[in-house]
Amino acid sequence: MNMKYKALLVLGLLFGGHCYNLYRKSELSIPEVKTYEIKDRITGNTHVFYKEPKLKKNILYCQRDQENKVVWVHWHVNQTPEYTYTVDSYENYLERTWVEQHYGYRIAP
C-alpha cells in the first residue's frame, strides 16, 4: 500500500472517530411532532392534521383518514369560538368549478 493511501486511511479514521464522538455526546432530542385535531362543523367528525389551517381554504393531509382533505375556515369576528371548520374530501373539491374552488361551496353532510 502506498504512503498516500495510508495517510488517507488514518485521516479517514480520525474524521470518523471525531464524528462518532460528536454524535455520542450530543444532547439532541427527537423533536416533538404537533398535531391539530379539527372537528368538522357539519358532520361532527374529528380530523387530525400536522399543520394548523390558517387560511380560508387549506389542502391538508388527514392522518386519521390517510388522505388529503380540504379545510375551509369560517371566521367569526368578536365571537366565541373565533372560527369554525368545514372539511371536504379532495376528490369532491376537484370536481368543482374554478369559482367554487376559490370562493367556496355548500358541503352536503
Protein backbone atom coordinates (compact mmCIF):
# COMPACT_ATOMS: atom_id res chain seq x y z
CA MET A 1 0.00 0.00 0.00
CA ASN A 2 1.32 3.43 -0.91
CA MET A 3 2.09 6.01 1.71
CA LYS A 4 -0.59 8.25 0.20
CA TYR A 5 -3.34 5.69 0.86
CA LYS A 6 -2.10 5.03 4.40
CA ALA A 7 -2.29 8.75 5.18
CA LEU A 8 -5.83 8.93 3.72
CA LEU A 9 -6.84 5.90 5.80
CA VAL A 10 -5.52 7.48 9.01
CA LEU A 11 -7.26 10.78 8.24
CA GLY A 12 -10.50 8.93 7.45
CA LEU A 13 -10.34 7.02 10.74
CA LEU A 14 -9.66 10.21 12.70
CA PHE A 15 -12.55 12.02 11.00
CA GLY A 16 -14.89 9.06 11.54
CA GLY A 17 -13.92 8.83 15.21
CA HIS A 18 -14.46 12.55 15.64
CA CYS A 19 -17.94 12.35 14.05
CA TYR A 20 -18.87 9.36 16.23
CA ASN A 21 -17.70 11.20 19.35
CA LEU A 22 -19.79 14.25 18.45
CA TYR A 23 -22.83 12.06 17.81
CA ARG A 24 -22.39 10.18 21.08
CA LYS A 25 -22.05 13.31 23.21
CA SER A 26 -24.77 15.36 21.57
CA GLU A 27 -27.86 16.02 23.66
CA LEU A 28 -30.21 16.50 20.74
CA SER A 29 -33.61 15.05 21.35
CA ILE A 30 -36.19 13.96 18.84
CA PRO A 31 -38.42 16.94 18.04
CA GLU A 32 -41.99 16.73 19.27
CA VAL A 33 -44.49 16.44 16.44
CA LYS A 34 -47.51 18.69 16.90
CA THR A 35 -50.86 17.53 15.62
CA TYR A 36 -54.06 19.51 15.38
CA GLU A 37 -57.44 17.90 15.91
CA ILE A 38 -60.17 19.68 13.98
CA LYS A 39 -63.85 18.97 14.41
CA ASP A 40 -65.99 19.35 11.31
CA ARG A 41 -68.91 21.73 11.83
CA ILE A 42 -71.26 19.79 9.52
CA THR A 43 -70.61 16.12 10.26
CA GLY A 44 -69.03 16.38 13.70
CA ASN A 45 -66.12 14.11 12.66
CA THR A 46 -62.69 14.81 14.09
CA HIS A 47 -59.70 15.02 11.72
CA VAL A 48 -56.00 15.06 12.68
CA PHE A 49 -53.54 17.28 10.76
CA TYR A 50 -49.85 18.12 11.19
CA LYS A 51 -50.41 21.76 10.19
CA GLU A 52 -52.85 24.25 11.62
CA PRO A 53 -55.18 25.65 8.94
CA LYS A 54 -54.85 29.42 8.96
CA LEU A 55 -56.10 30.48 5.54
CA LYS A 56 -59.67 30.46 4.30
CA LYS A 57 -59.02 27.28 2.26
CA ASN A 58 -56.34 24.72 3.13
CA ILE A 59 -55.49 21.42 1.49
CA LEU A 60 -54.01 19.25 4.24
CA TYR A 61 -53.23 15.56 4.76
CA CYS A 62 -55.50 13.93 7.35
CA GLN A 63 -53.61 11.42 9.50
CA ARG A 64 -56.75 9.65 10.68
CA ASP A 65 -58.25 9.06 7.21
CA GLN A 66 -54.88 8.82 5.40
CA GLU A 67 -55.98 11.13 2.56
CA ASN A 68 -55.95 14.78 1.52
CA LYS A 69 -58.76 16.95 2.84
CA VAL A 70 -59.90 20.48 2.02
CA VAL A 71 -60.40 22.50 5.21
CA TRP A 72 -62.49 25.68 4.99
CA VAL A 73 -62.02 28.11 7.88
CA HIS A 74 -65.04 30.25 8.78
CA TRP A 75 -64.02 33.28 10.85
CA HIS A 76 -66.40 34.78 13.43
CA VAL A 77 -65.10 38.21 14.44
CA ASN A 78 -65.53 39.09 18.13
CA GLN A 79 -67.36 35.84 18.85
CA THR A 80 -66.63 32.62 20.65
CA PRO A 81 -65.49 30.36 19.05
CA GLU A 82 -63.43 32.67 16.87
CA TYR A 83 -63.58 30.29 13.91
CA THR A 84 -65.16 27.01 12.85
CA TYR A 85 -64.09 24.46 10.27
CA THR A 86 -65.77 22.52 7.49
CA VAL A 87 -63.89 19.61 5.95
CA ASP A 88 -64.45 18.14 2.49
CA SER A 89 -62.71 15.40 0.54
CA TYR A 90 -60.12 16.41 -2.01
CA GLU A 91 -61.85 14.38 -4.75
CA ASN A 92 -65.09 16.33 -4.26
CA TYR A 93 -63.11 19.58 -4.33
CA LEU A 94 -61.52 18.67 -7.70
CA GLU A 95 -64.94 18.10 -9.26
CA ARG A 96 -65.99 21.70 -8.54
CA THR A 97 -65.69 24.67 -10.92
CA TRP A 98 -62.93 27.25 -10.62
CA VAL A 99 -65.29 29.76 -8.97
CA GLU A 100 -66.47 27.22 -6.39
CA GLN A 101 -62.90 26.12 -5.64
CA HIS A 102 -61.80 29.68 -4.91
CA TYR A 103 -64.87 31.19 -3.26
CA GLY A 104 -66.41 28.20 -1.51
CA TYR A 105 -69.37 25.91 -1.96
CA ARG A 106 -72.00 24.20 0.15
CA ILE A 107 -70.80 20.90 1.59
CA ALA A 108 -73.56 18.32 1.94
CA PRO A 109 -73.44 16.15 5.10
